[in-house]
Amino acid sequence: MSLSGKEAEQLAARHLAGQGLREVCRNYHCRGGEIDLVMRDGEQLVFVEVRYRSRSRFGGAAESVNARKQQRLTLAARHYLQKSGFSGPCRFDVLAIDGCAAPQWIRDAFQPG
């Protein structure tokens, strides 16, 4: 199975919705960063990075969220929060998809630096 980025994001959104999260926004862009999915988990706003790897030759999907990627996500999240005016609790999750394996949902994957 080989997915496009859009298909991986759709799979991730469906998976998270099945876990009770509600989609707020998809593909939020700002200068210097992008957030694949913005979801609500109760009162908490969740910034989700979707990572897909058809093969693990260069490492798995979850491992590809390195420090530089985390900085870009944090920048985009701060921009989103400033623009939206949301002031409640937030977290960063990763939804990793490796080949045909079931999606791996990593809650609170990292703390912004």
C-alpha atoms as a PDB file:
ATOM      1  CA  MET A   1       0.000   0.000   0.000  1.00  0.00           C
ATOM      2  CA  SER A   2       1.369   3.379  -0.978  1.00  0.00           C
ATOM      3  CA  LEU A   3      -0.439   6.520   0.126  1.00  0.00           C
ATOM      4  CA  SER A   4      -0.208  10.119  -1.003  1.00  0.00           C
ATOM      5  CA  GLY A   5       0.242  12.775   1.661  1.00  0.00           C
ATOM      6  CA  LYS A   6      -3.406  13.760   1.340  1.00  0.00           C
ATOM      7  CA  GLU A   7      -4.533  10.127   1.708  1.00  0.00           C
ATOM      8  CA  ALA A   8      -2.341   9.689   4.798  1.00  0.00           C
ATOM      9  CA  GLU A   9      -3.893  12.820   6.338  1.00  0.00           C
ATOM     10  CA  GLN A  10      -7.404  11.548   5.565  1.00  0.00           C
ATOM     11  CA  LEU A  11      -6.573   8.202   7.178  1.00  0.00           C
ATOM     12  CA  ALA A  12      -5.148  10.002  10.218  1.00  0.00           C
ATOM     13  CA  ALA A  13      -8.194  12.270  10.564  1.00  0.00           C
ATOM     14  CA  ARG A  14     -10.558   9.270  10.383  1.00  0.00           C
ATOM     15  CA  HIS A  15      -8.463   7.331  12.901  1.00  0.00           C
ATOM     16  CA  LEU A  16      -8.432  10.213  15.384  1.00  0.00           C
ATOM     17  CA  ALA A  17     -12.138  10.941  14.882  1.00  0.00           C
ATOM     18  CA  GLY A  18     -12.762   7.290  15.715  1.00  0.00           C
ATOM     19  CA  GLN A  19     -10.920   7.919  18.994  1.00  0.00           C
ATOM     20  CA  GLY A  20     -13.248  10.833  19.834  1.00  0.00           C
ATOM     21  CA  LEU A  21     -11.266  13.805  18.511  1.00  0.00           C
ATOM     22  CA  ARG A  22     -13.002  16.454  16.396  1.00  0.00           C
ATOM     23  CA  GLU A  23     -11.328  18.061  13.395  1.00  0.00           C
ATOM     24  CA  VAL A  24     -10.975  21.843  13.560  1.00  0.00           C
ATOM     25  CA  CYS A  25      -8.634  22.593  10.672  1.00  0.00           C
ATOM     26  CA  ARG A  26      -6.501  20.796   8.096  1.00  0.00           C
ATOM     27  CA  ASN A  27      -3.194  21.946   6.536  1.00  0.00           C
ATOM     28  CA  TYR A  28      -2.751  25.198   8.447  1.00  0.00           C
ATOM     29  CA  HIS A  29       0.076  27.165   6.827  1.00  0.00           C
ATOM     30  CA  CYS A  30       2.107  30.097   7.999  1.00  0.00           C
ATOM     31  CA  ARG A  31       5.514  31.400   7.074  1.00  0.00           C
ATOM     32  CA  GLY A  32       8.007  28.848   8.311  1.00  0.00           C
ATOM     33  CA  GLY A  33       5.652  26.025   9.212  1.00  0.00           C
ATOM     34  CA  GLU A  34       2.579  23.911   8.621  1.00  0.00           C
ATOM     35  CA  ILE A  35       0.277  21.847  10.800  1.00  0.00           C
ATOM     36  CA  ASP A  36      -1.324  18.824   9.154  1.00  0.00           C
ATOM     37  CA  LEU A  37      -4.344  18.590  11.449  1.00  0.00           C
ATOM     38  CA  VAL A  38      -5.729  20.707  14.265  1.00  0.00           C
ATOM     39  CA  MET A  39      -8.138  18.671  16.387  1.00  0.00           C
ATOM     40  CA  ARG A  40     -10.077  19.048  19.625  1.00  0.00           C
ATOM     41  CA  ASP A  41      -9.829  16.427  22.347  1.00  0.00           C
ATOM     42  CA  GLY A  42     -12.388  17.652  24.844  1.00  0.00           C
ATOM     43  CA  GLU A  43     -11.193  21.078  25.955  1.00  0.00           C
ATOM     44  CA  GLN A  44      -7.677  20.496  24.633  1.00  0.00           C
ATOM     45  CA  LEU A  45      -6.491  21.690  21.226  1.00  0.00           C
ATOM     46  CA  VAL A  46      -4.286  19.104  19.520  1.00  0.00           C
ATOM     47  CA  PHE A  47      -1.752  19.901  16.802  1.00  0.00           C
ATOM     48  CA  VAL A  48      -1.180  16.701  14.840  1.00  0.00           C
ATOM     49  CA  GLU A  49       1.791  15.911  12.624  1.00  0.00           C
ATOM     50  CA  VAL A  50       0.993  13.080  10.212  1.00  0.00           C
ATOM     51  CA  ARG A  51       4.017  11.075   9.077  1.00  0.00           C
ATOM     52  CA  TYR A  52       3.861   8.321   6.488  1.00  0.00           C
ATOM     53  CA  ARG A  53       6.642   6.021   5.347  1.00  0.00           C
ATOM     54  CA  SER A  54       5.979   3.294   2.807  1.00  0.00           C
ATOM     55  CA  ARG A  55       9.298   1.672   3.774  1.00  0.00           C
ATOM     56  CA  SER A  56      11.439   1.872   6.885  1.00  0.00           C
ATOM     57  CA  ARG A  57      14.718   1.878   4.965  1.00  0.00           C
ATOM     58  CA  PHE A  58      15.559   5.361   6.260  1.00  0.00           C
ATOM     59  CA  GLY A  59      13.832   4.979   9.633  1.00  0.00           C
ATOM     60  CA  GLY A  60      10.219   4.826  10.673  1.00  0.00           C
ATOM     61  CA  ALA A  61       7.590   7.515  10.366  1.00  0.00           C
ATOM     62  CA  ALA A  62       7.625   8.476  14.054  1.00  0.00           C
ATOM     63  CA  GLU A  63      11.418   8.896  14.114  1.00  0.00           C
ATOM     64  CA  SER A  64      11.227  11.399  11.257  1.00  0.00           C
ATOM     65  CA  VAL A  65       9.805  14.079  13.572  1.00  0.00           C
ATOM     66  CA  ASN A  66      13.194  15.504  14.510  1.00  0.00           C
ATOM     67  CA  ALA A  67      14.088  18.635  16.498  1.00  0.00           C
ATOM     68  CA  ARG A  68      13.969  20.874  13.417  1.00  0.00           C
ATOM     69  CA  LYS A  69      10.497  19.602  12.494  1.00  0.00           C
ATOM     70  CA  GLN A  70       9.357  20.141  16.088  1.00  0.00           C
ATOM     71  CA  GLN A  71      10.558  23.764  15.929  1.00  0.00           C
ATOM     72  CA  ARG A  72       8.607  24.359  12.714  1.00  0.00           C
ATOM     73  CA  LEU A  73       5.473  22.801  14.234  1.00  0.00           C
ATOM     74  CA  THR A  74       5.845  24.926  17.360  1.00  0.00           C
ATOM     75  CA  LEU A  75       6.187  28.076  15.246  1.00  0.00           C
ATOM     76  CA  ALA A  76       3.056  27.224  13.253  1.00  0.00           C
ATOM     77  CA  ALA A  77       1.127  26.355  16.429  1.00  0.00           C
ATOM     78  CA  ARG A  78       2.036  29.674  18.047  1.00  0.00           C
ATOM     79  CA  HIS A  79       0.889  31.461  14.906  1.00  0.00           C
ATOM     80  CA  TYR A  80      -2.381  29.503  14.904  1.00  0.00           C
ATOM     81  CA  LEU A  81      -3.021  30.261  18.580  1.00  0.00           C
ATOM     82  CA  GLN A  82      -2.322  33.956  18.100  1.00  0.00           C
ATOM     83  CA  LYS A  83      -4.610  34.154  15.068  1.00  0.00           C
ATOM     84  CA  SER A  84      -7.429  32.048  16.568  1.00  0.00           C
ATOM     85  CA  GLY A  85      -7.333  33.555  20.051  1.00  0.00           C
ATOM     86  CA  PHE A  86      -7.507  30.086  21.643  1.00  0.00           C
ATOM     87  CA  SER A  87      -6.016  30.190  25.142  1.00  0.00           C
ATOM     88  CA  GLY A  88      -6.823  26.738  26.547  1.00  0.00           C
ATOM     89  CA  PRO A  89      -4.597  23.702  26.945  1.00  0.00           C
ATOM     90  CA  CYS A  90      -2.740  22.364  23.898  1.00  0.00           C
ATOM     91  CA  ARG A  91      -0.553  19.427  22.970  1.00  0.00           C
ATOM     92  CA  PHE A  92       1.394  18.039  20.030  1.00  0.00           C
ATOM     93  CA  ASP A  93       0.564  14.547  18.768  1.00  0.00           C
ATOM     94  CA  VAL A  94       2.131  12.481  16.001  1.00  0.00           C
ATOM     95  CA  LEU A  95       0.156  10.020  13.899  1.00  0.00           C
ATOM     96  CA  ALA A  96       2.728   7.716  12.318  1.00  0.00           C
ATOM     97  CA  ILE A  97       1.874   5.332   9.497  1.00  0.00           C
ATOM     98  CA  ASP A  98       4.511   2.782   8.491  1.00  0.00           C
ATOM     99  CA  GLY A  99       3.633   0.854   5.338  1.00  0.00           C
ATOM    100  CA  CYS A 100       0.618  -1.388   5.889  1.00  0.00           C
ATOM    101  CA  ALA A 101       0.833  -1.315   9.688  1.00  0.00           C
ATOM    102  CA  ALA A 102      -1.945   0.204  11.774  1.00  0.00           C
ATOM    103  CA  PRO A 103      -1.464   3.911  12.533  1.00  0.00           C
ATOM    104  CA  GLN A 104       0.563   4.647  15.654  1.00  0.00           C
ATOM    105  CA  TRP A 105      -0.902   7.535  17.657  1.00  0.00           C
ATOM    106  CA  ILE A 106       1.680   9.197  19.887  1.00  0.00           C
ATOM    107  CA  ARG A 107      -0.091  11.516  22.288  1.00  0.00           C
ATOM    108  CA  ASP A 108       1.799  14.484  23.718  1.00  0.00           C
ATOM    109  CA  ALA A 109       4.735  13.553  21.477  1.00  0.00           C
ATOM    110  CA  PHE A 110       6.917  16.503  22.489  1.00  0.00           C
ATOM    111  CA  GLN A 111       6.996  19.679  24.524  1.00  0.00           C
ATOM    112  CA  PRO A 112       7.586  22.914  22.605  1.00  0.00           C
ATOM    113  CA  GLY A 113      10.986  24.429  23.133  1.00  0.00           C
END
